[in-house]
PDB file of N, CA and C in Angstrom:
ATOM      1  N   UNK A   1     -49.547 -16.331  48.831  1.00  0.00           N
ATOM      2  CA  UNK A   1     -49.749 -16.130  47.615  1.00  0.00           C
ATOM      3  C   UNK A   1     -48.641 -16.273  46.589  1.00  0.00           C
ATOM      4  N   UNK A   2     -47.476 -15.629  47.029  1.00  0.00           N
ATOM      5  CA  UNK A   2     -46.333 -15.683  46.321  1.00  0.00           C
ATOM      6  C   UNK A   2     -45.803 -17.000  45.815  1.00  0.00           C
ATOM      7  N   UNK A   3     -45.995 -18.239  46.528  1.00  0.00           N
ATOM      8  CA  UNK A   3     -45.741 -19.353  46.032  1.00  0.00           C
ATOM      9  C   UNK A   3     -46.657 -19.816  45.081  1.00  0.00           C
ATOM     10  N   UNK A   4     -47.975 -19.472  45.184  1.00  0.00           N
ATOM     11  CA  UNK A   4     -49.081 -19.848  44.188  1.00  0.00           C
ATOM     12  C   UNK A   4     -48.654 -19.194  42.894  1.00  0.00           C
ATOM     13  N   UNK A   5     -48.252 -17.878  42.903  1.00  0.00           N
ATOM     14  CA  UNK A   5     -47.651 -17.253  41.602  1.00  0.00           C
ATOM     15  C   UNK A   5     -46.542 -17.987  41.086  1.00  0.00           C
ATOM     16  N   UNK A   6     -45.677 -18.182  41.760  1.00  0.00           N
ATOM     17  CA  UNK A   6     -44.479 -19.056  41.171  1.00  0.00           C
ATOM     18  C   UNK A   6     -44.808 -20.472  40.672  1.00  0.00           C
ATOM     19  N   UNK A   7     -45.933 -20.970  41.323  1.00  0.00           N
ATOM     20  CA  UNK A   7     -46.255 -22.162  40.748  1.00  0.00           C
ATOM     21  C   UNK A   7     -46.883 -21.966  39.244  1.00  0.00           C
ATOM     22  N   UNK A   8     -47.751 -21.048  39.219  1.00  0.00           N
ATOM     23  CA  UNK A   8     -48.277 -20.747  37.905  1.00  0.00           C
ATOM     24  C   UNK A   8     -47.355 -20.299  36.940  1.00  0.00           C
ATOM     25  N   UNK A   9     -46.416 -19.350  37.336  1.00  0.00           N
ATOM     26  CA  UNK A   9     -45.367 -18.881  36.281  1.00  0.00           C
ATOM     27  C   UNK A   9     -44.577 -20.148  35.892  1.00  0.00           C
ATOM     28  N   UNK A  10     -44.015 -20.715  36.718  1.00  0.00           N
ATOM     29  CA  UNK A  10     -43.226 -21.902  36.543  1.00  0.00           C
ATOM     30  C   UNK A  10     -43.848 -22.837  35.307  1.00  0.00           C
ATOM     31  N   UNK A  11     -45.039 -23.413  35.741  1.00  0.00           N
ATOM     32  CA  UNK A  11     -45.783 -24.139  35.110  1.00  0.00           C
ATOM     33  C   UNK A  11     -46.128 -23.565  33.506  1.00  0.00           C
ATOM     34  N   UNK A  12     -46.326 -22.341  33.423  1.00  0.00           N
ATOM     35  CA  UNK A  12     -46.576 -21.743  32.282  1.00  0.00           C
ATOM     36  C   UNK A  12     -45.256 -21.717  31.527  1.00  0.00           C
ATOM     37  N   UNK A  13     -44.133 -21.300  32.073  1.00  0.00           N
ATOM     38  CA  UNK A  13     -42.910 -21.305  31.357  1.00  0.00           C
ATOM     39  C   UNK A  13     -42.604 -22.734  30.774  1.00  0.00           C
ATOM     40  N   UNK A  14     -42.822 -23.786  31.601  1.00  0.00           N
ATOM     41  CA  UNK A  14     -42.477 -25.038  31.350  1.00  0.00           C
ATOM     42  C   UNK A  14     -43.421 -25.562  30.078  1.00  0.00           C
ATOM     43  N   UNK A  15     -44.529 -25.107  29.982  1.00  0.00           N
ATOM     44  CA  UNK A  15     -45.509 -25.303  28.815  1.00  0.00           C
ATOM     45  C   UNK A  15     -45.663 -24.478  27.546  1.00  0.00           C
ATOM     46  N   UNK A  16     -44.641 -23.467  28.084  1.00  0.00           N
ATOM     47  CA  UNK A  16     -44.565 -22.374  26.779  1.00  0.00           C
ATOM     48  C   UNK A  16     -45.873 -21.729  26.378  1.00  0.00           C
ATOM     49  N   UNK A  17     -46.693 -21.464  27.508  1.00  0.00           N
ATOM     50  CA  UNK A  17     -47.982 -20.680  27.343  1.00  0.00           C
ATOM     51  C   UNK A  17     -48.083 -19.605  28.335  1.00  0.00           C
ATOM     52  N   UNK A  18     -49.190 -18.654  28.263  1.00  0.00           N
ATOM     53  CA  UNK A  18     -49.256 -17.281  28.785  1.00  0.00           C
ATOM     54  C   UNK A  18     -49.653 -17.970  30.226  1.00  0.00           C
ATOM     55  N   UNK A  19     -49.033 -17.151  31.277  1.00  0.00           N
ATOM     56  CA  UNK A  19     -49.375 -17.420  32.767  1.00  0.00           C
ATOM     57  C   UNK A  19     -51.064 -17.445  32.999  1.00  0.00           C
ATOM     58  N   UNK A  20     -51.746 -16.515  32.334  1.00  0.00           N
ATOM     59  CA  UNK A  20     -53.247 -16.441  32.429  1.00  0.00           C
ATOM     60  C   UNK A  20     -53.799 -18.030  32.186  1.00  0.00           C
ATOM     61  N   UNK A  21     -53.466 -18.437  30.837  1.00  0.00           N
ATOM     62  CA  UNK A  21     -54.018 -19.718  30.717  1.00  0.00           C
ATOM     63  C   UNK A  21     -53.875 -20.812  31.735  1.00  0.00           C
ATOM     64  N   UNK A  22     -52.577 -20.974  32.323  1.00  0.00           N
ATOM     65  CA  UNK A  22     -52.416 -21.933  33.460  1.00  0.00           C
ATOM     66  C   UNK A  22     -53.274 -21.465  34.690  1.00  0.00           C
ATOM     67  N   UNK A  23     -53.217 -20.257  35.040  1.00  0.00           N
ATOM     68  CA  UNK A  23     -54.119 -19.922  36.082  1.00  0.00           C
ATOM     69  C   UNK A  23     -55.588 -20.276  35.803  1.00  0.00           C
ATOM     70  N   UNK A  24     -56.261 -19.798  34.706  1.00  0.00           N
ATOM     71  CA  UNK A  24     -57.607 -20.322  34.246  1.00  0.00           C
ATOM     72  C   UNK A  24     -57.864 -21.879  34.378  1.00  0.00           C
ATOM     73  N   UNK A  25     -56.839 -22.545  34.010  1.00  0.00           N
ATOM     74  CA  UNK A  25     -57.063 -24.012  34.035  1.00  0.00           C
ATOM     75  C   UNK A  25     -56.741 -24.562  35.390  1.00  0.00           C
ATOM     76  N   UNK A  26     -55.982 -24.051  36.230  1.00  0.00           N
ATOM     77  CA  UNK A  26     -55.920 -24.469  37.479  1.00  0.00           C
ATOM     78  C   UNK A  26     -57.266 -24.118  38.316  1.00  0.00           C
ATOM     79  N   UNK A  27     -57.626 -22.717  38.185  1.00  0.00           N
ATOM     80  CA  UNK A  27     -58.805 -22.433  38.824  1.00  0.00           C
ATOM     81  C   UNK A  27     -60.099 -23.156  38.450  1.00  0.00           C
ATOM     82  N   UNK A  28     -60.089 -23.591  37.400  1.00  0.00           N
ATOM     83  CA  UNK A  28     -61.246 -24.382  36.714  1.00  0.00           C
ATOM     84  C   UNK A  28     -61.408 -25.625  37.405  1.00  0.00           C
ATOM     85  N   UNK A  29     -60.198 -26.210  37.697  1.00  0.00           N
ATOM     86  CA  UNK A  29     -60.313 -27.637  38.505  1.00  0.00           C
ATOM     87  C   UNK A  29     -60.272 -27.616  39.846  1.00  0.00           C
ATOM     88  N   UNK A  30     -59.970 -26.428  40.251  1.00  0.00           N
ATOM     89  CA  UNK A  30     -59.795 -26.299  41.915  1.00  0.00           C
ATOM     90  C   UNK A  30     -58.483 -26.567  42.365  1.00  0.00           C
ATOM     91  N   UNK A  31     -57.451 -26.459  41.489  1.00  0.00           N
ATOM     92  CA  UNK A  31     -56.069 -27.103  42.048  1.00  0.00           C
ATOM     93  C   UNK A  31     -55.416 -26.043  42.931  1.00  0.00           C
ATOM     94  N   UNK A  32     -55.652 -24.820  42.684  1.00  0.00           N
ATOM     95  CA  UNK A  32     -54.817 -23.902  43.758  1.00  0.00           C
ATOM     96  C   UNK A  32     -55.489 -24.169  45.029  1.00  0.00           C
ATOM     97  N   UNK A  33     -56.748 -24.104  45.424  1.00  0.00           N
ATOM     98  CA  UNK A  33     -57.198 -24.195  46.603  1.00  0.00           C
ATOM     99  C   UNK A  33     -57.128 -25.585  47.342  1.00  0.00           C
ATOM    100  N   UNK A  34     -57.100 -26.751  46.415  1.00  0.00           N
ATOM    101  CA  UNK A  34     -57.382 -28.078  46.761  1.00  0.00           C
ATOM    102  C   UNK A  34     -56.069 -28.877  46.712  1.00  0.00           C
ATOM    103  N   UNK A  35     -55.037 -28.057  45.993  1.00  0.00           N
ATOM    104  CA  UNK A  35     -53.604 -29.001  45.852  1.00  0.00           C
ATOM    105  C   UNK A  35     -52.520 -28.200  46.291  1.00  0.00           C
ATOM    106  N   UNK A  36     -52.273 -27.096  45.569  1.00  0.00           N
ATOM    107  CA  UNK A  36     -51.147 -26.128  45.786  1.00  0.00           C
ATOM    108  C   UNK A  36     -51.115 -25.688  47.200  1.00  0.00           C
ATOM    109  N   UNK A  37     -52.151 -25.073  47.670  1.00  0.00           N
ATOM    110  CA  UNK A  37     -51.981 -24.403  49.004  1.00  0.00           C
ATOM    111  C   UNK A  37     -52.038 -25.414  50.137  1.00  0.00           C
ATOM    112  N   UNK A  38     -52.720 -26.558  49.995  1.00  0.00           N
ATOM    113  CA  UNK A  38     -52.602 -27.459  51.191  1.00  0.00           C
ATOM    114  C   UNK A  38     -51.386 -28.449  51.151  1.00  0.00           C
ATOM    115  N   UNK A  39     -50.702 -28.399  49.960  1.00  0.00           N
ATOM    116  CA  UNK A  39     -49.341 -29.070  49.929  1.00  0.00           C
ATOM    117  C   UNK A  39     -48.170 -28.086  49.779  1.00  0.00           C
ATOM    118  N   UNK A  40     -48.459 -26.913  50.348  1.00  0.00           N
ATOM    119  CA  UNK A  40     -47.172 -25.992  50.305  1.00  0.00           C
ATOM    120  C   UNK A  40     -45.929 -26.602  50.754  1.00  0.00           C
ATOM    121  N   UNK A  41     -45.932 -27.105  51.812  1.00  0.00           N
ATOM    122  CA  UNK A  41     -44.638 -27.688  52.438  1.00  0.00           C
ATOM    123  C   UNK A  41     -43.859 -28.740  51.581  1.00  0.00           C
ATOM    124  N   UNK A  42     -44.566 -29.707  51.136  1.00  0.00           N
ATOM    125  CA  UNK A  42     -43.712 -30.452  50.245  1.00  0.00           C
ATOM    126  C   UNK A  42     -43.385 -30.104  48.898  1.00  0.00           C
ATOM    127  N   UNK A  43     -44.433 -29.234  48.352  1.00  0.00           N
ATOM    128  CA  UNK A  43     -43.927 -28.588  47.154  1.00  0.00           C
ATOM    129  C   UNK A  43     -42.911 -27.717  46.881  1.00  0.00           C
ATOM    130  N   UNK A  44     -42.701 -26.773  48.032  1.00  0.00           N
ATOM    131  CA  UNK A  44     -42.089 -25.593  47.920  1.00  0.00           C
ATOM    132  C   UNK A  44     -40.556 -26.153  48.058  1.00  0.00           C
ATOM    133  N   UNK A  45     -40.312 -27.477  48.531  1.00  0.00           N
ATOM    134  CA  UNK A  45     -38.930 -27.882  48.607  1.00  0.00           C
ATOM    135  C   UNK A  45     -38.535 -28.573  47.349  1.00  0.00           C
ATOM    136  N   UNK A  46     -39.282 -28.500  46.449  1.00  0.00           N
ATOM    137  CA  UNK A  46     -38.851 -29.171  44.994  1.00  0.00           C
ATOM    138  C   UNK A  46     -38.104 -28.015  44.194  1.00  0.00           C
ATOM    139  N   UNK A  47     -37.315 -28.666  43.350  1.00  0.00           N
ATOM    140  CA  UNK A  47     -36.799 -27.669  42.234  1.00  0.00           C
ATOM    141  C   UNK A  47     -37.837 -27.326  41.485  1.00  0.00           C
ATOM    142  N   UNK A  48     -37.565 -26.217  40.689  1.00  0.00           N
ATOM    143  CA  UNK A  48     -38.532 -25.611  39.964  1.00  0.00           C
ATOM    144  C   UNK A  48     -39.056 -26.780  38.683  1.00  0.00           C
ATOM    145  N   UNK A  49     -38.070 -27.321  38.149  1.00  0.00           N
ATOM    146  CA  UNK A  49     -38.090 -28.385  37.256  1.00  0.00           C
ATOM    147  C   UNK A  49     -39.338 -29.493  37.688  1.00  0.00           C
ATOM    148  N   UNK A  50     -38.898 -30.061  38.845  1.00  0.00           N
ATOM    149  CA  UNK A  50     -39.622 -30.992  39.527  1.00  0.00           C
ATOM    150  C   UNK A  50     -41.162 -30.503  39.944  1.00  0.00           C
ATOM    151  N   UNK A  51     -41.206 -29.274  40.432  1.00  0.00           N
ATOM    152  CA  UNK A  51     -42.329 -28.643  40.929  1.00  0.00           C
ATOM    153  C   UNK A  51     -43.298 -28.792  39.561  1.00  0.00           C
ATOM    154  N   UNK A  52     -42.764 -28.138  38.242  1.00  0.00           N
ATOM    155  CA  UNK A  52     -43.462 -27.985  37.052  1.00  0.00           C
ATOM    156  C   UNK A  52     -43.977 -29.345  36.677  1.00  0.00           C
ATOM    157  N   UNK A  53     -42.981 -30.318  36.743  1.00  0.00           N
ATOM    158  CA  UNK A  53     -43.614 -31.482  36.107  1.00  0.00           C
ATOM    159  C   UNK A  53     -44.694 -32.137  37.058  1.00  0.00           C
ATOM    160  N   UNK A  54     -44.699 -32.074  38.464  1.00  0.00           N
ATOM    161  CA  UNK A  54     -45.724 -32.303  39.278  1.00  0.00           C
ATOM    162  C   UNK A  54     -46.954 -31.674  39.151  1.00  0.00           C
ATOM    163  N   UNK A  55     -46.833 -30.421  38.807  1.00  0.00           N
ATOM    164  CA  UNK A  55     -48.018 -29.639  38.673  1.00  0.00           C
ATOM    165  C   UNK A  55     -48.669 -29.789  37.396  1.00  0.00           C
ATOM    166  N   UNK A  56     -47.972 -30.039  36.078  1.00  0.00           N
ATOM    167  CA  UNK A  56     -48.407 -30.378  35.001  1.00  0.00           C
ATOM    168  C   UNK A  56     -49.154 -31.686  34.965  1.00  0.00           C
ATOM    169  N   UNK A  57     -48.562 -32.593  35.687  1.00  0.00           N
ATOM    170  CA  UNK A  57     -49.163 -33.954  35.849  1.00  0.00           C
ATOM    171  C   UNK A  57     -50.417 -33.944  36.661  1.00  0.00           C
ATOM    172  N   UNK A  58     -50.527 -33.355  37.661  1.00  0.00           N
ATOM    173  CA  UNK A  58     -51.762 -33.088  38.469  1.00  0.00           C
ATOM    174  C   UNK A  58     -52.783 -32.253  37.638  1.00  0.00           C
ATOM    175  N   UNK A  59     -52.266 -31.266  36.939  1.00  0.00           N
ATOM    176  CA  UNK A  59     -53.374 -30.385  36.192  1.00  0.00           C
ATOM    177  C   UNK A  59     -54.060 -31.439  35.100  1.00  0.00           C
ATOM    178  N   UNK A  60     -53.262 -32.011  34.368  1.00  0.00           N
ATOM    179  CA  UNK A  60     -53.718 -33.090  33.271  1.00  0.00           C
ATOM    180  C   UNK A  60     -54.640 -34.042  33.764  1.00  0.00           C
ATOM    181  N   UNK A  61     -54.145 -34.491  34.982  1.00  0.00           N
ATOM    182  CA  UNK A  61     -54.993 -35.644  35.681  1.00  0.00           C
ATOM    183  C   UNK A  61     -56.474 -35.049  36.156  1.00  0.00           C
ATOM    184  N   UNK A  62     -56.313 -33.859  36.696  1.00  0.00           N
ATOM    185  CA  UNK A  62     -57.580 -33.232  37.266  1.00  0.00           C
ATOM    186  C   UNK A  62     -58.483 -32.702  35.974  1.00  0.00           C
ATOM    187  N   UNK A  63     -57.939 -32.184  34.977  1.00  0.00           N
ATOM    188  CA  UNK A  63     -58.707 -31.891  33.777  1.00  0.00           C
ATOM    189  C   UNK A  63     -59.505 -33.140  33.195  1.00  0.00           C
ATOM    190  N   UNK A  64     -58.797 -34.171  33.089  1.00  0.00           N
ATOM    191  CA  UNK A  64     -59.269 -35.403  32.530  1.00  0.00           C
ATOM    192  C   UNK A  64     -60.215 -36.023  33.222  1.00  0.00           C
ATOM    193  N   UNK A  65     -60.490 -35.654  34.624  1.00  0.00           N
ATOM    194  CA  UNK A  65     -61.708 -36.149  35.484  1.00  0.00           C
ATOM    195  C   UNK A  65     -62.735 -35.201  35.454  1.00  0.00           C
ATOM    196  N   UNK A  66     -62.755 -34.201  34.671  1.00  0.00           N
ATOM    197  CA  UNK A  66     -63.947 -33.359  34.514  1.00  0.00           C
ATOM    198  C   UNK A  66     -65.123 -33.744  33.834  1.00  0.00           C
TER     199      UNK A  66
END
């Protein structure tokens, strides 16, 4: 769960929004359980900048498909 928290906080910082907003958005689309946790291995090896970019892109794509 520490990695999930890092993902949320890094994404929030990159978007300049509160981490609660990012958490709620990720939860709404199922991104934590269906993307972040299953892809821990490849994601955790990325730099924080690249990680944030990937997560933002994924979040935006998943939200557009709702």
